[in-house]
Structures are given as structure tokens and as C-alpha cells.
Amino acid sequence: MSIEDRAKATAKDIEGKLQEGAGKLTGDREAQAKGKAKQAESDVRHGVEDAKDNVKRAID
């Protein structure tokens, strides 16, 4: 598990939520979509880190 990679993924998630929220406030659908995409990217990054952790546990 890389703490740094997890922190980056969490930061990307927060950034996406903020961008999506700002898009909702302003009615900017493009900003909303980009925010959701960043959140999805964050989910993928967390999934990759989970997979790495599972492989490491299996090896140990």
C-alpha cells in the first residue's frame, strides 16, 4: 500500500466533488461531468491500491 498514492486518489476525489458541486451551483454540466470523472478516476486508483494490498498479503 502506498500512502502517497492513496492520498493522491483521495485528493482527486475531493477535487472532483468540489468541481461537481460548483458545476451544480452554476448550472455548468461540463464541470459536473468532469467532477464525476475525477471521482471515478479516484475510485479506480483506490481499486488498484486495494489490489496491490491483496497481492502483497497473499505473498506474505
PDB file of N, CA and C in Angstrom:
ATOM      1  N   MET A   1       0.841  -1.173   0.000  1.00  0.00           N
ATOM      2  CA  MET A   1       0.000   0.000   0.000  1.00  0.00           C
ATOM      3  C   MET A   1       0.885   1.235   0.000  1.00  0.00           C
ATOM      4  N   SER A   2       0.605   2.104  -0.902  1.00  0.00           N
ATOM      5  CA  SER A   2       1.344   3.350  -0.953  1.00  0.00           C
ATOM      6  C   SER A   2       0.476   4.464  -0.376  1.00  0.00           C
ATOM      7  N   ILE A   3       0.905   4.975   0.736  1.00  0.00           N
ATOM      8  CA  ILE A   3       0.169   6.063   1.384  1.00  0.00           C
ATOM      9  C   ILE A   3       0.087   7.255   0.439  1.00  0.00           C
ATOM     10  N   GLU A   4       1.170   7.506  -0.271  1.00  0.00           N
ATOM     11  CA  GLU A   4       1.208   8.644  -1.190  1.00  0.00           C
ATOM     12  C   GLU A   4       0.173   8.486  -2.305  1.00  0.00           C
ATOM     13  N   ASP A   5       0.082   7.272  -2.880  1.00  0.00           N
ATOM     14  CA  ASP A   5      -0.888   7.035  -3.950  1.00  0.00           C
ATOM     15  C   ASP A   5      -2.321   7.136  -3.439  1.00  0.00           C
ATOM     16  N   ARG A   6      -2.554   6.632  -2.243  1.00  0.00           N
ATOM     17  CA  ARG A   6      -3.899   6.736  -1.661  1.00  0.00           C
ATOM     18  C   ARG A   6      -4.249   8.197  -1.378  1.00  0.00           C
ATOM     19  N   ALA A   7      -3.280   8.970  -0.918  1.00  0.00           N
ATOM     20  CA  ALA A   7      -3.522  10.388  -0.646  1.00  0.00           C
ATOM     21  C   ALA A   7      -3.842  11.127  -1.942  1.00  0.00           C
ATOM     22  N   LYS A   8      -3.131  10.796  -3.009  1.00  0.00           N
ATOM     23  CA  LYS A   8      -3.401  11.427  -4.304  1.00  0.00           C
ATOM     24  C   LYS A   8      -4.801  11.070  -4.793  1.00  0.00           C
ATOM     25  N   ALA A   9      -5.196   9.821  -4.616  1.00  0.00           N
ATOM     26  CA  ALA A   9      -6.528   9.394  -5.037  1.00  0.00           C
ATOM     27  C   ALA A   9      -7.607  10.103  -4.221  1.00  0.00           C
ATOM     28  N   THR A  10      -7.377  10.251  -2.933  1.00  0.00           N
ATOM     29  CA  THR A  10      -8.338  10.948  -2.083  1.00  0.00           C
ATOM     30  C   THR A  10      -8.420  12.416  -2.465  1.00  0.00           C
ATOM     31  N   ALA A  11      -7.289  13.017  -2.767  1.00  0.00           N
ATOM     32  CA  ALA A  11      -7.280  14.419  -3.198  1.00  0.00           C
ATOM     33  C   ALA A  11      -8.045  14.577  -4.509  1.00  0.00           C
ATOM     34  N   LYS A  12      -7.878  13.625  -5.427  1.00  0.00           N
ATOM     35  CA  LYS A  12      -8.585  13.662  -6.706  1.00  0.00           C
ATOM     36  C   LYS A  12     -10.094  13.541  -6.474  1.00  0.00           C
ATOM     37  N   ASP A  13     -10.487  12.701  -5.515  1.00  0.00           N
ATOM     38  CA  ASP A  13     -11.901  12.537  -5.188  1.00  0.00           C
ATOM     39  C   ASP A  13     -12.487  13.837  -4.653  1.00  0.00           C
ATOM     40  N   ILE A  14     -11.779  14.467  -3.743  1.00  0.00           N
ATOM     41  CA  ILE A  14     -12.246  15.726  -3.161  1.00  0.00           C
ATOM     42  C   ILE A  14     -12.328  16.800  -4.236  1.00  0.00           C
ATOM     43  N   GLU A  15     -11.311  16.861  -5.083  1.00  0.00           N
ATOM     44  CA  GLU A  15     -11.303  17.828  -6.180  1.00  0.00           C
ATOM     45  C   GLU A  15     -12.520  17.613  -7.089  1.00  0.00           C
ATOM     46  N   GLY A  16     -12.810  16.358  -7.380  1.00  0.00           N
ATOM     47  CA  GLY A  16     -13.951  16.036  -8.226  1.00  0.00           C
ATOM     48  C   GLY A  16     -15.271  16.424  -7.589  1.00  0.00           C
ATOM     49  N   LYS A  17     -15.399  16.171  -6.291  1.00  0.00           N
ATOM     50  CA  LYS A  17     -16.631  16.535  -5.592  1.00  0.00           C
ATOM     51  C   LYS A  17     -16.829  18.048  -5.578  1.00  0.00           C
ATOM     52  N   LEU A  18     -15.739  18.775  -5.359  1.00  0.00           N
ATOM     53  CA  LEU A  18     -15.829  20.233  -5.375  1.00  0.00           C
ATOM     54  C   LEU A  18     -16.205  20.746  -6.760  1.00  0.00           C
ATOM     55  N   GLN A  19     -15.586  20.179  -7.789  1.00  0.00           N
ATOM     56  CA  GLN A  19     -15.870  20.619  -9.147  1.00  0.00           C
ATOM     57  C   GLN A  19     -17.316  20.277  -9.530  1.00  0.00           C
ATOM     58  N   GLU A  20     -17.767  19.104  -9.150  1.00  0.00           N
ATOM     59  CA  GLU A  20     -19.144  18.721  -9.443  1.00  0.00           C
ATOM     60  C   GLU A  20     -20.123  19.656  -8.719  1.00  0.00           C
ATOM     61  N   GLY A  21     -19.838  19.933  -7.453  1.00  0.00           N
ATOM     62  CA  GLY A  21     -20.697  20.831  -6.679  1.00  0.00           C
ATOM     63  C   GLY A  21     -20.740  22.231  -7.270  1.00  0.00           C
ATOM     64  N   ALA A  22     -19.593  22.725  -7.682  1.00  0.00           N
ATOM     65  CA  ALA A  22     -19.543  24.052  -8.295  1.00  0.00           C
ATOM     66  C   ALA A  22     -20.334  24.055  -9.599  1.00  0.00           C
ATOM     67  N   GLY A  23     -20.244  22.979 -10.340  1.00  0.00           N
ATOM     68  CA  GLY A  23     -20.992  22.857 -11.579  1.00  0.00           C
ATOM     69  C   GLY A  23     -22.491  22.849 -11.338  1.00  0.00           C
ATOM     70  N   LYS A  24     -22.910  22.201 -10.257  1.00  0.00           N
ATOM     71  CA  LYS A  24     -24.333  22.186  -9.911  1.00  0.00           C
ATOM     72  C   LYS A  24     -24.809  23.585  -9.543  1.00  0.00           C
ATOM     73  N   LEU A  25     -23.979  24.293  -8.789  1.00  0.00           N
ATOM     74  CA  LEU A  25     -24.358  25.651  -8.369  1.00  0.00           C
ATOM     75  C   LEU A  25     -24.487  26.607  -9.555  1.00  0.00           C
ATOM     76  N   THR A  26     -23.603  26.452 -10.511  1.00  0.00           N
ATOM     77  CA  THR A  26     -23.584  27.372 -11.647  1.00  0.00           C
ATOM     78  C   THR A  26     -24.386  26.853 -12.841  1.00  0.00           C
ATOM     79  N   GLY A  27     -24.827  25.607 -12.760  1.00  0.00           N
ATOM     80  CA  GLY A  27     -25.555  25.015 -13.878  1.00  0.00           C
ATOM     81  C   GLY A  27     -24.648  24.568 -15.008  1.00  0.00           C
ATOM     82  N   ASP A  28     -23.370  24.437 -14.740  1.00  0.00           N
ATOM     83  CA  ASP A  28     -22.385  24.044 -15.746  1.00  0.00           C
ATOM     84  C   ASP A  28     -22.299  22.517 -15.806  1.00  0.00           C
ATOM     85  N   ARG A  29     -22.962  21.949 -16.789  1.00  0.00           N
ATOM     86  CA  ARG A  29     -22.993  20.483 -16.912  1.00  0.00           C
ATOM     87  C   ARG A  29     -21.617  19.892 -17.231  1.00  0.00           C
ATOM     88  N   GLU A  30     -20.811  20.635 -17.954  1.00  0.00           N
ATOM     89  CA  GLU A  30     -19.470  20.146 -18.281  1.00  0.00           C
ATOM     90  C   GLU A  30     -18.621  20.008 -17.008  1.00  0.00           C
ATOM     91  N   ALA A  31     -18.700  20.997 -16.124  1.00  0.00           N
ATOM     92  CA  ALA A  31     -17.957  20.926 -14.859  1.00  0.00           C
ATOM     93  C   ALA A  31     -18.464  19.768 -14.006  1.00  0.00           C
ATOM     94  N   GLN A  32     -19.768  19.550 -14.036  1.00  0.00           N
ATOM     95  CA  GLN A  32     -20.331  18.426 -13.286  1.00  0.00           C
ATOM     96  C   GLN A  32     -19.781  17.103 -13.816  1.00  0.00           C
ATOM     97  N   ALA A  33     -19.752  16.969 -15.129  1.00  0.00           N
ATOM     98  CA  ALA A  33     -19.256  15.734 -15.741  1.00  0.00           C
ATOM     99  C   ALA A  33     -17.773  15.528 -15.442  1.00  0.00           C
ATOM    100  N   LYS A  34     -16.994  16.608 -15.528  1.00  0.00           N
ATOM    101  CA  LYS A  34     -15.562  16.492 -15.231  1.00  0.00           C
ATOM    102  C   LYS A  34     -15.341  16.115 -13.768  1.00  0.00           C
ATOM    103  N   GLY A  35     -16.154  16.673 -12.884  1.00  0.00           N
ATOM    104  CA  GLY A  35     -16.059  16.340 -11.467  1.00  0.00           C
ATOM    105  C   GLY A  35     -16.364  14.877 -11.215  1.00  0.00           C
ATOM    106  N   LYS A  36     -17.406  14.373 -11.874  1.00  0.00           N
ATOM    107  CA  LYS A  36     -17.755  12.955 -11.729  1.00  0.00           C
ATOM    108  C   LYS A  36     -16.657  12.068 -12.300  1.00  0.00           C
ATOM    109  N   ALA A  37     -16.046  12.501 -13.391  1.00  0.00           N
ATOM    110  CA  ALA A  37     -14.954  11.726 -13.994  1.00  0.00           C
ATOM    111  C   ALA A  37     -13.764  11.647 -13.034  1.00  0.00           C
ATOM    112  N   LYS A  38     -13.461  12.742 -12.368  1.00  0.00           N
ATOM    113  CA  LYS A  38     -12.356  12.736 -11.400  1.00  0.00           C
ATOM    114  C   LYS A  38     -12.665  11.798 -10.244  1.00  0.00           C
ATOM    115  N   GLN A  39     -13.918  11.774  -9.828  1.00  0.00           N
ATOM    116  CA  GLN A  39     -14.302  10.865  -8.751  1.00  0.00           C
ATOM    117  C   GLN A  39     -14.174   9.408  -9.195  1.00  0.00           C
ATOM    118  N   ALA A  40     -14.558   9.135 -10.426  1.00  0.00           N
ATOM    119  CA  ALA A  40     -14.418   7.775 -10.967  1.00  0.00           C
ATOM    120  C   ALA A  40     -12.948   7.380 -11.058  1.00  0.00           C
ATOM    121  N   GLU A  41     -12.101   8.329 -11.479  1.00  0.00           N
ATOM    122  CA  GLU A  41     -10.660   8.068 -11.531  1.00  0.00           C
ATOM    123  C   GLU A  41     -10.130   7.726 -10.149  1.00  0.00           C
ATOM    124  N   SER A  42     -10.613   8.441  -9.164  1.00  0.00           N
ATOM    125  CA  SER A  42     -10.204   8.184  -7.787  1.00  0.00           C
ATOM    126  C   SER A  42     -10.609   6.772  -7.359  1.00  0.00           C
ATOM    127  N   ASP A  43     -11.823   6.366  -7.720  1.00  0.00           N
ATOM    128  CA  ASP A  43     -12.283   5.017  -7.379  1.00  0.00           C
ATOM    129  C   ASP A  43     -11.378   3.966  -8.005  1.00  0.00           C
ATOM    130  N   VAL A  44     -10.976   4.192  -9.248  1.00  0.00           N
ATOM    131  CA  VAL A  44     -10.088   3.247  -9.934  1.00  0.00           C
ATOM    132  C   VAL A  44      -8.734   3.194  -9.230  1.00  0.00           C
ATOM    133  N   ARG A  45      -8.210   4.363  -8.880  1.00  0.00           N
ATOM    134  CA  ARG A  45      -6.904   4.391  -8.187  1.00  0.00           C
ATOM    135  C   ARG A  45      -6.976   3.654  -6.851  1.00  0.00           C
ATOM    136  N   HIS A  46      -8.076   3.853  -6.115  1.00  0.00           N
ATOM    137  CA  HIS A  46      -8.234   3.135  -4.848  1.00  0.00           C
ATOM    138  C   HIS A  46      -8.333   1.630  -5.100  1.00  0.00           C
ATOM    139  N   GLY A  47      -9.026   1.238  -6.162  1.00  0.00           N
ATOM    140  CA  GLY A  47      -9.130  -0.175  -6.514  1.00  0.00           C
ATOM    141  C   GLY A  47      -7.779  -0.786  -6.833  1.00  0.00           C
ATOM    142  N   VAL A  48      -6.950  -0.039  -7.542  1.00  0.00           N
ATOM    143  CA  VAL A  48      -5.600  -0.516  -7.864  1.00  0.00           C
ATOM    144  C   VAL A  48      -4.800  -0.717  -6.582  1.00  0.00           C
ATOM    145  N   GLU A  49      -4.900   0.243  -5.676  1.00  0.00           N
ATOM    146  CA  GLU A  49      -4.167   0.127  -4.407  1.00  0.00           C
ATOM    147  C   GLU A  49      -4.688  -1.055  -3.589  1.00  0.00           C
ATOM    148  N   ASP A  50      -6.004  -1.281  -3.613  1.00  0.00           N
ATOM    149  CA  ASP A  50      -6.566  -2.438  -2.910  1.00  0.00           C
ATOM    150  C   ASP A  50      -6.031  -3.739  -3.503  1.00  0.00           C
ATOM    151  N   ALA A  51      -5.961  -3.789  -4.831  1.00  0.00           N
ATOM    152  CA  ALA A  51      -5.440  -4.993  -5.495  1.00  0.00           C
ATOM    153  C   ALA A  51      -3.983  -5.227  -5.116  1.00  0.00           C
ATOM    154  N   LYS A  52      -3.195  -4.154  -5.086  1.00  0.00           N
ATOM    155  CA  LYS A  52      -1.788  -4.278  -4.682  1.00  0.00           C
ATOM    156  C   LYS A  52      -1.690  -4.822  -3.262  1.00  0.00           C
ATOM    157  N   ASP A  53      -2.540  -4.307  -2.376  1.00  0.00           N
ATOM    158  CA  ASP A  53      -2.531  -4.756  -0.986  1.00  0.00           C
ATOM    159  C   ASP A  53      -2.872  -6.241  -0.897  1.00  0.00           C
ATOM    160  N   ASN A  54      -3.868  -6.674  -1.674  1.00  0.00           N
ATOM    161  CA  ASN A  54      -4.289  -8.088  -1.654  1.00  0.00           C
ATOM    162  C   ASN A  54      -3.173  -9.002  -2.159  1.00  0.00           C
ATOM    163  N   VAL A  55      -2.481  -8.569  -3.203  1.00  0.00           N
ATOM    164  CA  VAL A  55      -1.367  -9.371  -3.732  1.00  0.00           C
ATOM    165  C   VAL A  55      -0.248  -9.450  -2.706  1.00  0.00           C
ATOM    166  N   LYS A  56       0.040  -8.331  -2.080  1.00  0.00           N
ATOM    167  CA  LYS A  56       1.108  -8.319  -1.068  1.00  0.00           C
ATOM    168  C   LYS A  56       0.760  -9.249   0.102  1.00  0.00           C
ATOM    169  N   ARG A  57      -0.501  -9.193   0.536  1.00  0.00           N
ATOM    170  CA  ARG A  57      -0.933 -10.074   1.632  1.00  0.00           C
ATOM    171  C   ARG A  57      -0.826 -11.539   1.218  1.00  0.00           C
ATOM    172  N   ALA A  58      -1.179 -11.855  -0.011  1.00  0.00           N
ATOM    173  CA  ALA A  58      -1.132 -13.234  -0.482  1.00  0.00           C
ATOM    174  C   ALA A  58       0.308 -13.740  -0.538  1.00  0.00           C
ATOM    175  N   ILE A  59       1.219 -12.860  -0.908  1.00  0.00           N
ATOM    176  CA  ILE A  59       2.628 -13.246  -0.981  1.00  0.00           C
ATOM    177  C   ILE A  59       3.211 -13.442   0.409  1.00  0.00           C
ATOM    178  N   ASP A  60       2.824 -12.556   1.330  1.00  0.00           N
ATOM    179  CA  ASP A  60       3.349 -12.646   2.701  1.00  0.00           C
ATOM    180  C   ASP A  60       2.707 -13.830   3.366  1.00  0.00           C
TER     181      ASP A  60
END
